[in-house]
Amino acid sequence: MSLLRPFSALDLFEFNAINLDVWTETYGVSYYLSYLMHWGDLFSVVESAGGDGREVNMSAASAQGGTSSTGGFGGGEGGGLMGYVMGKTEGRGRDWHGHVSAITVSPQHRRLGLASMMMDLLEKVSEQEEGWFVDLFVRQSNNLAIGLYESLGYMIYRRVRGYYGGGPGEKDEDAFDMRKALPRDQEQLSIQLPGGATDGRDVVVGPEDTVF
């Protein structure tokens, strides 16, 4: 069993094992605390059974490729962190949306449906906030993550040139801006590709064009 609960500042002391993933972007403490202060409803963690959160049946999740929530609450000592999702709301008018700033699952807890569960929670909160869509950025080379997001209903909306800065001697890497329309957007205008394009990979913008 695992538990889904809101993030707390103390969780920062347990991030290391999760953030070892090469695909996971890491930030300073102040960055995480800023999200906790402004968008606490969109910042959640999954931990092994023993904490206070929504229970998730891990065996069912593994067998079905998804998650099964009992709707109950655990108690007692908290368990180890298995993953987290961090998001925010931003934009104005029809650009008002939920954004996935970071999501990751520790290597030993993958293929259990935890990422899907956390994405579902973020989408539901974004819907409650009356967002039109949810978006995220992913490295163009991260095919595994792209496949996961596509299976959850996301589509490549555009390519962001040089979004991920390279280290010393390394080239910058493009990102895919992926989107999923929320129920409020019944006409799905938020995922219509700009300029009549048929493939979001061909819609190239700069990082400055992604600021809402």
N, C-alpha and C. Protein backbone atom coordinates (compact mmCIF):
# COMPACT_ATOMS: atom_id res chain seq x y z
N MET A 1 0.84 -1.20 0.00
CA MET A 1 0.00 0.00 0.00
C MET A 1 0.88 1.25 0.00
N SER A 2 0.36 2.32 -0.57
CA SER A 2 1.04 3.60 -0.53
C SER A 2 0.03 4.68 -0.22
N LEU A 3 0.51 5.86 0.13
CA LEU A 3 -0.35 6.94 0.57
C LEU A 3 -0.07 8.21 -0.21
N LEU A 4 -1.13 8.85 -0.65
CA LEU A 4 -1.03 10.13 -1.35
C LEU A 4 -1.44 11.22 -0.37
N ARG A 5 -0.57 12.20 -0.17
CA ARG A 5 -0.87 13.27 0.78
C ARG A 5 -0.22 14.57 0.34
N PRO A 6 -0.63 15.70 0.95
CA PRO A 6 -0.01 16.98 0.61
C PRO A 6 1.46 17.01 1.00
N PHE A 7 2.23 17.74 0.24
CA PHE A 7 3.65 17.94 0.54
C PHE A 7 3.80 18.78 1.80
N SER A 8 4.83 18.50 2.59
CA SER A 8 5.18 19.34 3.74
C SER A 8 6.66 19.71 3.64
N ALA A 9 7.05 20.77 4.31
CA ALA A 9 8.43 21.24 4.24
C ALA A 9 9.42 20.16 4.69
N LEU A 10 9.01 19.31 5.62
CA LEU A 10 9.89 18.26 6.12
C LEU A 10 10.23 17.24 5.04
N ASP A 11 9.41 17.15 4.01
CA ASP A 11 9.67 16.20 2.93
C ASP A 11 10.94 16.54 2.15
N LEU A 12 11.39 17.79 2.26
CA LEU A 12 12.61 18.18 1.56
C LEU A 12 13.81 17.36 2.01
N PHE A 13 13.76 16.86 3.25
CA PHE A 13 14.88 16.07 3.77
C PHE A 13 14.89 14.66 3.21
N GLU A 14 13.83 14.27 2.49
CA GLU A 14 13.75 12.91 1.95
C GLU A 14 13.75 12.90 0.43
N PHE A 15 14.05 14.04 -0.18
CA PHE A 15 14.00 14.15 -1.63
C PHE A 15 15.14 13.44 -2.34
N ASN A 16 16.27 13.27 -1.69
CA ASN A 16 17.48 12.84 -2.39
C ASN A 16 17.32 11.57 -3.20
N ALA A 17 16.72 10.54 -2.63
CA ALA A 17 16.60 9.26 -3.33
C ALA A 17 15.75 9.39 -4.59
N ILE A 18 14.76 10.28 -4.57
CA ILE A 18 13.90 10.47 -5.72
C ILE A 18 14.58 11.30 -6.79
N ASN A 19 15.28 12.34 -6.37
CA ASN A 19 15.89 13.27 -7.32
C ASN A 19 17.17 12.75 -7.95
N LEU A 20 17.57 11.53 -7.64
CA LEU A 20 18.74 10.94 -8.29
C LEU A 20 18.48 10.63 -9.75
N ASP A 21 17.22 10.58 -10.14
CA ASP A 21 16.85 10.29 -11.52
C ASP A 21 17.46 11.32 -12.46
N VAL A 22 18.13 10.85 -13.52
CA VAL A 22 18.80 11.75 -14.45
C VAL A 22 17.82 12.69 -15.14
N TRP A 23 16.57 12.28 -15.26
CA TRP A 23 15.57 13.11 -15.95
C TRP A 23 14.94 14.16 -15.04
N THR A 24 15.17 14.06 -13.74
CA THR A 24 14.51 14.95 -12.80
C THR A 24 15.28 16.25 -12.62
N GLU A 25 14.62 17.36 -12.87
CA GLU A 25 15.22 18.67 -12.63
C GLU A 25 15.17 18.96 -11.12
N THR A 26 16.27 19.44 -10.56
CA THR A 26 16.32 19.76 -9.14
C THR A 26 16.47 21.27 -8.96
N TYR A 27 15.96 21.76 -7.84
CA TYR A 27 15.94 23.20 -7.59
C TYR A 27 16.39 23.47 -6.16
N GLY A 28 16.55 24.76 -5.84
CA GLY A 28 16.91 25.15 -4.49
C GLY A 28 15.73 25.04 -3.54
N VAL A 29 16.02 25.02 -2.24
CA VAL A 29 14.98 24.87 -1.23
C VAL A 29 13.92 25.96 -1.35
N SER A 30 14.34 27.20 -1.61
CA SER A 30 13.40 28.31 -1.69
C SER A 30 12.38 28.11 -2.80
N TYR A 31 12.80 27.43 -3.88
CA TYR A 31 11.89 27.18 -5.01
C TYR A 31 10.74 26.27 -4.57
N TYR A 32 11.09 25.18 -3.89
CA TYR A 32 10.06 24.25 -3.42
C TYR A 32 9.13 24.91 -2.40
N LEU A 33 9.72 25.70 -1.50
CA LEU A 33 8.91 26.35 -0.47
C LEU A 33 7.97 27.38 -1.08
N SER A 34 8.40 28.02 -2.16
CA SER A 34 7.54 28.98 -2.84
C SER A 34 6.30 28.29 -3.40
N TYR A 35 6.50 27.11 -3.99
CA TYR A 35 5.36 26.34 -4.50
C TYR A 35 4.45 25.91 -3.36
N LEU A 36 5.04 25.49 -2.26
CA LEU A 36 4.24 25.06 -1.12
C LEU A 36 3.37 26.21 -0.61
N MET A 37 3.92 27.42 -0.60
CA MET A 37 3.19 28.57 -0.08
C MET A 37 2.09 29.03 -1.03
N HIS A 38 2.37 29.03 -2.34
CA HIS A 38 1.42 29.58 -3.30
C HIS A 38 0.47 28.54 -3.90
N TRP A 39 0.94 27.32 -4.08
CA TRP A 39 0.13 26.30 -4.76
C TRP A 39 0.17 24.98 -4.01
N GLY A 40 -0.08 25.04 -2.70
CA GLY A 40 -0.01 23.84 -1.87
C GLY A 40 -0.93 22.72 -2.32
N ASP A 41 -2.08 23.07 -2.91
CA ASP A 41 -3.03 22.04 -3.37
C ASP A 41 -2.51 21.27 -4.57
N LEU A 42 -1.49 21.81 -5.23
CA LEU A 42 -0.93 21.16 -6.42
C LEU A 42 0.45 20.55 -6.14
N PHE A 43 0.78 20.38 -4.88
CA PHE A 43 2.08 19.84 -4.48
C PHE A 43 1.80 18.65 -3.56
N SER A 44 2.01 17.44 -4.07
CA SER A 44 1.68 16.23 -3.33
C SER A 44 2.80 15.21 -3.40
N VAL A 45 2.82 14.31 -2.43
CA VAL A 45 3.80 13.24 -2.41
C VAL A 45 3.08 11.90 -2.26
N VAL A 46 3.75 10.85 -2.71
CA VAL A 46 3.30 9.48 -2.46
C VAL A 46 4.35 8.85 -1.57
N GLU A 47 3.91 8.24 -0.48
CA GLU A 47 4.83 7.57 0.43
C GLU A 47 4.35 6.16 0.71
N SER A 48 5.26 5.33 1.18
CA SER A 48 4.87 3.97 1.55
C SER A 48 3.95 4.02 2.75
N ALA A 49 3.13 3.00 2.92
CA ALA A 49 2.08 3.00 3.94
C ALA A 49 2.65 3.30 5.32
N GLY A 50 1.88 4.07 6.08
CA GLY A 50 2.31 4.43 7.43
C GLY A 50 2.14 5.90 7.71
N GLY A 51 1.83 6.69 6.66
CA GLY A 51 1.62 8.12 6.86
C GLY A 51 0.14 8.45 6.89
N ASP A 52 -0.16 9.73 6.73
CA ASP A 52 -1.55 10.18 6.73
C ASP A 52 -1.92 10.67 5.35
N GLY A 53 -2.61 9.85 4.60
CA GLY A 53 -2.99 10.23 3.24
C GLY A 53 -3.99 9.26 2.67
N ARG A 54 -4.29 9.38 1.41
CA ARG A 54 -5.23 8.48 0.75
C ARG A 54 -4.52 7.19 0.41
N GLU A 55 -5.10 6.06 0.77
CA GLU A 55 -4.48 4.78 0.52
C GLU A 55 -4.61 4.39 -0.94
N VAL A 56 -3.56 3.75 -1.46
CA VAL A 56 -3.57 3.28 -2.83
C VAL A 56 -3.17 1.82 -2.84
N ASN A 57 -3.97 0.98 -3.48
CA ASN A 57 -3.72 -0.44 -3.55
C ASN A 57 -2.65 -0.71 -4.59
N MET A 58 -1.42 -0.98 -4.15
CA MET A 58 -0.30 -1.12 -5.06
C MET A 58 -0.43 -2.34 -5.95
N SER A 59 -0.95 -3.46 -5.42
CA SER A 59 -1.05 -4.67 -6.23
C SER A 59 -2.03 -4.46 -7.38
N ALA A 60 -3.12 -3.77 -7.11
CA ALA A 60 -4.10 -3.48 -8.16
C ALA A 60 -3.51 -2.54 -9.18
N ALA A 61 -2.75 -1.56 -8.71
CA ALA A 61 -2.14 -0.60 -9.64
C ALA A 61 -1.17 -1.31 -10.56
N SER A 62 -0.39 -2.23 -10.01
CA SER A 62 0.60 -2.93 -10.83
C SER A 62 -0.08 -3.80 -11.86
N ALA A 63 -1.15 -4.48 -11.47
CA ALA A 63 -1.81 -5.41 -12.38
C ALA A 63 -2.57 -4.69 -13.48
N GLN A 64 -3.14 -3.52 -13.15
CA GLN A 64 -3.99 -2.83 -14.11
C GLN A 64 -3.28 -1.71 -14.84
N GLY A 65 -2.03 -1.42 -14.45
CA GLY A 65 -1.31 -0.32 -15.07
C GLY A 65 -1.82 1.02 -14.61
N GLY A 66 -2.56 1.03 -13.49
CA GLY A 66 -3.11 2.28 -12.98
C GLY A 66 -3.11 2.26 -11.48
N THR A 67 -4.08 2.94 -10.85
CA THR A 67 -4.13 2.99 -9.41
C THR A 67 -5.51 2.65 -8.93
N SER A 68 -5.57 2.15 -7.71
CA SER A 68 -6.86 1.84 -7.10
C SER A 68 -6.88 2.44 -5.71
N SER A 69 -7.68 3.46 -5.48
CA SER A 69 -7.74 4.14 -4.20
C SER A 69 -8.85 3.56 -3.34
N THR A 70 -8.54 3.32 -2.07
CA THR A 70 -9.56 2.81 -1.17
C THR A 70 -10.38 3.94 -0.58
N GLY A 71 -9.87 5.16 -0.68
CA GLY A 71 -10.58 6.30 -0.12
C GLY A 71 -10.36 6.42 1.38
N GLY A 72 -9.59 5.51 1.99
CA GLY A 72 -9.34 5.56 3.41
C GLY A 72 -8.13 6.40 3.74
N PHE A 73 -7.80 6.44 5.03
CA PHE A 73 -6.65 7.20 5.47
C PHE A 73 -5.81 6.34 6.40
N GLY A 74 -4.50 6.44 6.21
CA GLY A 74 -3.60 5.69 7.05
C GLY A 74 -3.29 6.45 8.32
N GLY A 75 -2.49 5.87 9.17
CA GLY A 75 -2.11 6.56 10.40
C GLY A 75 -0.78 6.05 10.87
N GLY A 76 -0.25 6.66 11.92
CA GLY A 76 1.00 6.22 12.47
C GLY A 76 2.18 6.92 11.84
N GLU A 77 3.35 6.30 11.95
CA GLU A 77 4.58 6.89 11.44
C GLU A 77 4.56 6.94 9.93
N GLY A 78 5.12 8.03 9.37
CA GLY A 78 5.18 8.17 7.93
C GLY A 78 6.17 7.21 7.32
N GLY A 79 5.92 6.78 6.10
CA GLY A 79 6.84 5.89 5.40
C GLY A 79 7.77 6.68 4.52
N GLY A 80 8.57 5.98 3.70
CA GLY A 80 9.51 6.65 2.81
C GLY A 80 8.82 7.21 1.59
N LEU A 81 9.36 8.30 1.06
CA LEU A 81 8.78 8.92 -0.13
C LEU A 81 9.03 8.05 -1.35
N MET A 82 8.01 7.94 -2.19
CA MET A 82 8.09 7.15 -3.41
C MET A 82 8.04 8.04 -4.65
N GLY A 83 7.48 9.23 -4.51
CA GLY A 83 7.39 10.14 -5.64
C GLY A 83 6.71 11.42 -5.23
N TYR A 84 6.74 12.40 -6.11
CA TYR A 84 6.04 13.66 -5.84
C TYR A 84 5.66 14.34 -7.14
N VAL A 85 4.68 15.22 -7.05
CA VAL A 85 4.28 16.06 -8.18
C VAL A 85 4.15 17.49 -7.66
N MET A 86 4.64 18.43 -8.46
CA MET A 86 4.63 19.83 -8.07
C MET A 86 4.07 20.64 -9.23
N GLY A 87 3.02 21.40 -8.98
CA GLY A 87 2.41 22.16 -10.06
C GLY A 87 1.97 23.54 -9.61
N LYS A 88 1.39 24.28 -10.55
CA LYS A 88 0.90 25.62 -10.26
C LYS A 88 -0.21 25.96 -11.25
N THR A 89 -0.91 27.05 -10.97
CA THR A 89 -1.88 27.60 -11.91
C THR A 89 -1.34 28.93 -12.41
N GLU A 90 -1.59 29.22 -13.68
CA GLU A 90 -1.07 30.46 -14.26
C GLU A 90 -1.87 30.81 -15.51
N GLY A 91 -1.63 32.02 -16.03
CA GLY A 91 -2.29 32.47 -17.24
C GLY A 91 -3.50 33.35 -16.96
N ARG A 92 -4.06 33.90 -18.03
CA ARG A 92 -5.26 34.73 -17.92
C ARG A 92 -6.26 34.34 -19.01
N GLY A 93 -7.52 34.59 -18.72
CA GLY A 93 -8.54 34.28 -19.70
C GLY A 93 -8.52 32.80 -20.09
N ARG A 94 -8.55 32.54 -21.39
CA ARG A 94 -8.54 31.15 -21.87
C ARG A 94 -7.16 30.50 -21.73
N ASP A 95 -6.16 31.26 -21.30
CA ASP A 95 -4.84 30.69 -21.03
C ASP A 95 -4.70 30.25 -19.57
N TRP A 96 -5.73 30.44 -18.76
CA TRP A 96 -5.70 30.01 -17.36
C TRP A 96 -5.65 28.48 -17.31
N HIS A 97 -4.61 27.95 -16.67
CA HIS A 97 -4.41 26.50 -16.73
C HIS A 97 -3.56 26.00 -15.58
N GLY A 98 -3.53 24.68 -15.44
CA GLY A 98 -2.63 24.04 -14.51
C GLY A 98 -1.35 23.65 -15.22
N HIS A 99 -0.23 23.79 -14.52
CA HIS A 99 1.07 23.46 -15.11
C HIS A 99 1.80 22.47 -14.21
N VAL A 100 2.32 21.40 -14.80
CA VAL A 100 3.11 20.41 -14.08
C VAL A 100 4.57 20.88 -14.10
N SER A 101 5.06 21.36 -12.98
CA SER A 101 6.43 21.85 -12.91
C SER A 101 7.43 20.72 -12.72
N ALA A 102 7.04 19.70 -11.99
CA ALA A 102 7.93 18.54 -11.77
C ALA A 102 7.10 17.35 -11.33
N ILE A 103 7.47 16.18 -11.82
CA ILE A 103 6.86 14.93 -11.36
C ILE A 103 7.90 13.84 -11.49
N THR A 104 8.06 13.05 -10.46
CA THR A 104 9.03 11.96 -10.53
C THR A 104 8.66 10.86 -9.54
N VAL A 105 9.10 9.66 -9.85
CA VAL A 105 8.91 8.49 -8.99
C VAL A 105 10.27 7.84 -8.80
N SER A 106 10.55 7.41 -7.58
CA SER A 106 11.85 6.77 -7.32
C SER A 106 12.00 5.52 -8.18
N PRO A 107 13.22 5.21 -8.62
CA PRO A 107 13.44 4.08 -9.54
C PRO A 107 12.83 2.77 -9.07
N GLN A 108 12.89 2.48 -7.78
CA GLN A 108 12.40 1.19 -7.28
C GLN A 108 10.88 1.11 -7.19
N HIS A 109 10.19 2.22 -7.44
CA HIS A 109 8.73 2.22 -7.33
C HIS A 109 8.04 2.55 -8.65
N ARG A 110 8.73 2.35 -9.75
CA ARG A 110 8.13 2.65 -11.04
C ARG A 110 7.28 1.48 -11.55
N ARG A 111 6.49 1.77 -12.57
CA ARG A 111 5.58 0.79 -13.18
C ARG A 111 4.52 0.30 -12.19
N LEU A 112 4.16 1.16 -11.25
CA LEU A 112 3.10 0.84 -10.29
C LEU A 112 1.90 1.79 -10.45
N GLY A 113 1.95 2.64 -11.46
CA GLY A 113 0.84 3.56 -11.68
C GLY A 113 0.87 4.81 -10.84
N LEU A 114 1.99 5.06 -10.13
CA LEU A 114 2.04 6.22 -9.23
C LEU A 114 2.04 7.54 -10.00
N ALA A 115 2.77 7.60 -11.11
CA ALA A 115 2.81 8.84 -11.90
C ALA A 115 1.42 9.17 -12.44
N SER A 116 0.71 8.16 -12.91
CA SER A 116 -0.65 8.36 -13.42
C SER A 116 -1.57 8.88 -12.33
N MET A 117 -1.42 8.33 -11.13
CA MET A 117 -2.24 8.75 -10.01
C MET A 117 -1.98 10.21 -9.65
N MET A 118 -0.72 10.59 -9.61
CA MET A 118 -0.38 11.97 -9.25
C MET A 118 -0.83 12.95 -10.33
N MET A 119 -0.69 12.56 -11.59
CA MET A 119 -1.16 13.42 -12.68
C MET A 119 -2.68 13.59 -12.60
N ASP A 120 -3.38 12.53 -12.27
CA ASP A 120 -4.83 12.60 -12.15
C ASP A 120 -5.24 13.58 -11.06
N LEU A 121 -4.53 13.55 -9.94
CA LEU A 121 -4.83 14.47 -8.85
C LEU A 121 -4.60 15.91 -9.29
N LEU A 122 -3.48 16.17 -9.94
CA LEU A 122 -3.18 17.53 -10.38
C LEU A 122 -4.22 18.03 -11.38
N GLU A 123 -4.65 17.15 -12.27
CA GLU A 123 -5.67 17.53 -13.25
C GLU A 123 -6.99 17.87 -12.56
N LYS A 124 -7.36 17.09 -11.56
CA LYS A 124 -8.63 17.34 -10.87
C LYS A 124 -8.59 18.66 -10.11
N VAL A 125 -7.45 18.96 -9.47
CA VAL A 125 -7.33 20.24 -8.77
C VAL A 125 -7.36 21.39 -9.77
N SER A 126 -6.69 21.22 -10.91
CA SER A 126 -6.70 22.26 -11.95
C SER A 126 -8.11 22.48 -12.48
N GLU A 127 -8.88 21.39 -12.57
CA GLU A 127 -10.27 21.51 -13.01
C GLU A 127 -11.10 22.27 -11.97
N GLN A 128 -10.86 21.98 -10.69
CA GLN A 128 -11.56 22.69 -9.63
C GLN A 128 -11.21 24.18 -9.63
N GLU A 129 -10.01 24.50 -10.08
CA GLU A 129 -9.57 25.89 -10.18
C GLU A 129 -10.06 26.54 -11.47
N GLU A 130 -10.92 25.83 -12.21
CA GLU A 130 -11.53 26.30 -13.45
C GLU A 130 -10.51 26.54 -14.56
N GLY A 131 -9.49 25.69 -14.60
CA GLY A 131 -8.51 25.77 -15.68
C GLY A 131 -9.06 25.23 -16.98
N TRP A 132 -8.50 25.71 -18.08
CA TRP A 132 -8.91 25.25 -19.41
C TRP A 132 -8.11 24.03 -19.86
N PHE A 133 -6.89 23.92 -19.38
CA PHE A 133 -6.04 22.80 -19.79
C PHE A 133 -4.92 22.62 -18.77
N VAL A 134 -4.18 21.54 -18.91
CA VAL A 134 -2.96 21.29 -18.14
C VAL A 134 -1.83 21.14 -19.13
N ASP A 135 -0.68 21.73 -18.81
CA ASP A 135 0.47 21.56 -19.69
C ASP A 135 1.72 21.21 -18.90
N LEU A 136 2.74 20.78 -19.61
CA LEU A 136 4.02 20.40 -19.00
C LEU A 136 5.09 20.47 -20.07
N PHE A 137 6.34 20.51 -19.63
CA PHE A 137 7.47 20.47 -20.54
C PHE A 137 8.26 19.19 -20.30
N VAL A 138 8.74 18.59 -21.37
CA VAL A 138 9.51 17.36 -21.27
C VAL A 138 10.63 17.40 -22.31
N ARG A 139 11.78 16.87 -21.95
CA ARG A 139 12.89 16.83 -22.90
C ARG A 139 12.50 16.02 -24.13
N GLN A 140 12.88 16.50 -25.30
CA GLN A 140 12.50 15.81 -26.54
C GLN A 140 13.11 14.41 -26.61
N SER A 141 14.18 14.17 -25.86
CA SER A 141 14.83 12.86 -25.89
C SER A 141 14.24 11.88 -24.87
N ASN A 142 13.36 12.34 -24.00
CA ASN A 142 12.79 11.48 -22.96
C ASN A 142 11.57 10.74 -23.49
N ASN A 143 11.83 9.77 -24.34
CA ASN A 143 10.74 9.05 -25.01
C ASN A 143 9.82 8.30 -24.06
N LEU A 144 10.38 7.80 -22.96
CA LEU A 144 9.55 7.05 -22.00
C LEU A 144 8.50 7.97 -21.38
N ALA A 145 8.92 9.16 -20.96
CA ALA A 145 7.98 10.11 -20.36
C ALA A 145 6.96 10.59 -21.39
N ILE A 146 7.43 10.86 -22.61
CA ILE A 146 6.52 11.31 -23.66
C ILE A 146 5.43 10.27 -23.90
N GLY A 147 5.83 9.00 -23.94
CA GLY A 147 4.87 7.92 -24.13
C GLY A 147 3.86 7.84 -22.99
N LEU A 148 4.34 8.05 -21.76
CA LEU A 148 3.44 8.03 -20.61
C LEU A 148 2.41 9.15 -20.72
N TYR A 149 2.89 10.36 -21.01
CA TYR A 149 1.96 11.49 -21.09
C TYR A 149 0.96 11.31 -22.23
N GLU A 150 1.41 10.76 -23.34
CA GLU A 150 0.48 10.51 -24.45
C GLU A 150 -0.58 9.50 -24.04
N SER A 151 -0.19 8.50 -23.26
CA SER A 151 -1.16 7.50 -22.80
C SER A 151 -2.18 8.10 -21.85
N LEU A 152 -1.84 9.24 -21.24
CA LEU A 152 -2.74 9.93 -20.31
C LEU A 152 -3.57 11.00 -21.02
N GLY A 153 -3.41 11.09 -22.34
CA GLY A 153 -4.23 12.02 -23.10
C GLY A 153 -3.56 13.33 -23.47
N TYR A 154 -2.27 13.45 -23.24
CA TYR A 154 -1.55 14.67 -23.59
C TYR A 154 -1.06 14.60 -25.04
N MET A 155 -0.94 15.75 -25.66
CA MET A 155 -0.43 15.81 -27.03
C MET A 155 0.67 16.87 -27.10
N ILE A 156 1.57 16.67 -28.07
CA ILE A 156 2.65 17.63 -28.25
C ILE A 156 2.08 18.87 -28.93
N TYR A 157 2.10 19.98 -28.21
CA TYR A 157 1.51 21.22 -28.70
C TYR A 157 2.52 22.06 -29.48
N ARG A 158 3.77 22.05 -29.03
CA ARG A 158 4.81 22.81 -29.71
C ARG A 158 6.18 22.39 -29.19
N ARG A 159 7.20 22.77 -29.94
CA ARG A 159 8.59 22.52 -29.55
C ARG A 159 9.18 23.83 -29.04
N VAL A 160 9.84 23.78 -27.89
CA VAL A 160 10.45 24.97 -27.31
C VAL A 160 11.97 24.86 -27.49
N ARG A 161 12.51 25.69 -28.34
CA ARG A 161 13.91 25.61 -28.72
C ARG A 161 14.83 25.96 -27.54
N GLY A 162 15.78 25.05 -27.23
CA GLY A 162 16.79 25.29 -26.21
C GLY A 162 16.24 25.53 -24.81
N TYR A 163 15.12 24.91 -24.49
CA TYR A 163 14.48 25.15 -23.19
C TYR A 163 15.35 24.65 -22.04
N TYR A 164 15.98 23.50 -22.24
CA TYR A 164 16.83 22.92 -21.20
C TYR A 164 18.28 23.28 -21.48
N GLY A 165 18.87 24.06 -20.59
CA GLY A 165 20.25 24.48 -20.77
C GLY A 165 21.21 23.33 -20.57
N GLY A 166 22.21 23.23 -21.45
CA GLY A 166 23.22 22.19 -21.32
C GLY A 166 24.30 22.60 -20.33
N GLY A 167 24.99 21.64 -19.78
CA GLY A 167 26.09 21.92 -18.87
C GLY A 167 27.32 22.34 -19.65
N PRO A 168 28.44 22.49 -18.96
CA PRO A 168 29.69 22.87 -19.63
C PRO A 168 30.02 21.91 -20.77
N GLY A 169 30.19 22.46 -21.96
CA GLY A 169 30.52 21.63 -23.12
C GLY A 169 29.36 20.87 -23.71
N GLU A 170 28.15 21.07 -23.19
CA GLU A 170 26.98 20.36 -23.69
C GLU A 170 26.02 21.33 -24.39
N LYS A 171 25.29 20.82 -25.35
CA LYS A 171 24.34 21.65 -26.08
C LYS A 171 23.01 21.75 -25.31
N ASP A 172 22.34 22.87 -25.52
CA ASP A 172 20.99 23.00 -24.98
C ASP A 172 20.08 21.98 -25.67
N GLU A 173 19.01 21.60 -24.99
CA GLU A 173 18.08 20.62 -25.55
C GLU A 173 16.68 21.22 -25.66
N ASP A 174 16.02 20.91 -26.76
CA ASP A 174 14.64 21.37 -26.95
C ASP A 174 13.69 20.62 -26.01
N ALA A 175 12.59 21.28 -25.71
CA ALA A 175 11.52 20.66 -24.92
C ALA A 175 10.27 20.55 -25.77
N PHE A 176 9.44 19.57 -25.47
CA PHE A 176 8.10 19.52 -26.02
C PHE A 176 7.15 20.10 -24.98
N ASP A 177 6.33 21.04 -25.40
CA ASP A 177 5.25 21.56 -24.57
C ASP A 177 4.04 20.68 -24.85
N MET A 178 3.64 19.89 -23.86
CA MET A 178 2.53 18.96 -24.04
C MET A 178 1.30 19.46 -23.28
N ARG A 179 0.14 19.28 -23.88
CA ARG A 179 -1.10 19.78 -23.30
C ARG A 179 -2.21 18.73 -23.29
N LYS A 180 -3.11 18.94 -22.34
CA LYS A 180 -4.34 18.14 -22.27
C LYS A 180 -5.49 19.07 -21.92
N ALA A 181 -6.52 19.08 -22.75
CA ALA A 181 -7.67 19.94 -22.48
C ALA A 181 -8.46 19.39 -21.29
N LEU A 182 -8.95 20.29 -20.45
CA LEU A 182 -9.79 19.92 -19.32
C LEU A 182 -11.27 20.03 -19.72
N PRO A 183 -12.17 19.44 -18.93
CA PRO A 183 -13.59 19.44 -19.31
C PRO A 183 -14.17 20.82 -19.60
N ARG A 184 -13.64 21.86 -18.96
CA ARG A 184 -14.16 23.20 -19.22
C ARG A 184 -14.01 23.59 -20.69
N ASP A 185 -12.95 23.11 -21.32
CA ASP A 185 -12.68 23.44 -22.73
C ASP A 185 -13.39 22.42 -23.62
N GLN A 186 -14.69 22.53 -23.71
CA GLN A 186 -15.47 21.55 -24.47
C GLN A 186 -15.14 21.58 -25.96
N GLU A 187 -14.74 22.73 -26.48
CA GLU A 187 -14.39 22.84 -27.89
C GLU A 187 -12.93 22.47 -28.15
N GLN A 188 -12.18 22.23 -27.07
CA GLN A 188 -10.76 21.85 -27.14
C GLN A 188 -9.93 22.87 -27.93
N LEU A 189 -10.25 24.13 -27.74
CA LEU A 189 -9.50 25.19 -28.40
C LEU A 189 -8.07 25.28 -27.87
N SER A 190 -7.87 24.87 -26.62
CA SER A 190 -6.55 25.00 -26.00
C SER A 190 -5.52 24.06 -26.62
N ILE A 191 -5.97 23.04 -27.35
CA ILE A 191 -5.02 22.10 -27.94
C ILE A 191 -5.01 22.16 -29.46
N GLN A 192 -5.66 23.17 -30.02
CA GLN A 192 -5.58 23.36 -31.46
C GLN A 192 -4.21 23.94 -31.81
N LEU A 193 -3.50 23.29 -32.72
CA LEU A 193 -2.14 23.70 -33.04
C LEU A 193 -2.12 25.06 -33.74
N PRO A 194 -1.16 25.90 -33.40
CA PRO A 194 -1.05 27.22 -34.02
C PRO A 194 -0.77 27.13 -35.52
N GLY A 195 -1.28 28.08 -36.26
CA GLY A 195 -0.97 28.19 -37.68
C GLY A 195 -1.45 27.04 -38.53
N GLY A 196 -2.40 26.28 -38.05
CA GLY A 196 -2.92 25.17 -38.83
C GLY A 196 -1.97 24.00 -38.95
N ALA A 197 -0.95 23.93 -38.09
CA ALA A 197 0.01 22.82 -38.13
C ALA A 197 -0.68 21.50 -37.80
N THR A 198 -0.12 20.42 -38.30
CA THR A 198 -0.68 19.09 -38.04
C THR A 198 0.15 18.29 -37.05
N ASP A 199 1.35 18.77 -36.73
CA ASP A 199 2.23 18.10 -35.78
C ASP A 199 2.90 19.16 -34.92
N GLY A 200 2.69 19.06 -33.61
CA GLY A 200 3.25 20.05 -32.70
C GLY A 200 4.77 20.12 -32.74
N ARG A 201 5.42 19.06 -33.18
CA ARG A 201 6.88 19.07 -33.28
C ARG A 201 7.36 20.12 -34.28
N ASP A 202 6.49 20.48 -35.21
CA ASP A 202 6.85 21.45 -36.24
C ASP A 202 6.55 22.89 -35.84
N VAL A 203 5.92 23.07 -34.69
CA VAL A 203 5.62 24.42 -34.19
C VAL A 203 6.74 24.81 -33.23
N VAL A 204 7.67 25.61 -33.70
CA VAL A 204 8.88 25.93 -32.93
C VAL A 204 8.78 27.34 -32.35
N VAL A 205 8.98 27.45 -31.04
CA VAL A 205 8.96 28.74 -30.36
C VAL A 205 10.18 28.84 -29.45
N GLY A 206 10.43 30.03 -28.92
CA GLY A 206 11.51 30.22 -27.97
C GLY A 206 11.00 30.14 -26.55
N PRO A 207 11.88 29.96 -25.57
CA PRO A 207 11.46 29.89 -24.17
C PRO A 207 10.65 31.10 -23.73
N GLU A 208 10.96 32.26 -24.29
CA GLU A 208 10.23 33.47 -23.91
C GLU A 208 8.76 33.41 -24.31
N ASP A 209 8.44 32.57 -25.27
CA ASP A 209 7.06 32.46 -25.74
C ASP A 209 6.20 31.58 -24.85
N THR A 210 6.81 30.96 -23.85
CA THR A 210 6.06 30.07 -22.96
C THR A 210 5.67 30.75 -21.66
N VAL A 211 6.03 32.01 -21.50
CA VAL A 211 5.73 32.74 -20.26
C VAL A 211 4.30 33.28 -20.32
N PHE A 212 3.48 32.94 -19.32
CA PHE A 212 2.09 33.40 -19.28
C PHE A 212 1.97 34.58 -18.33
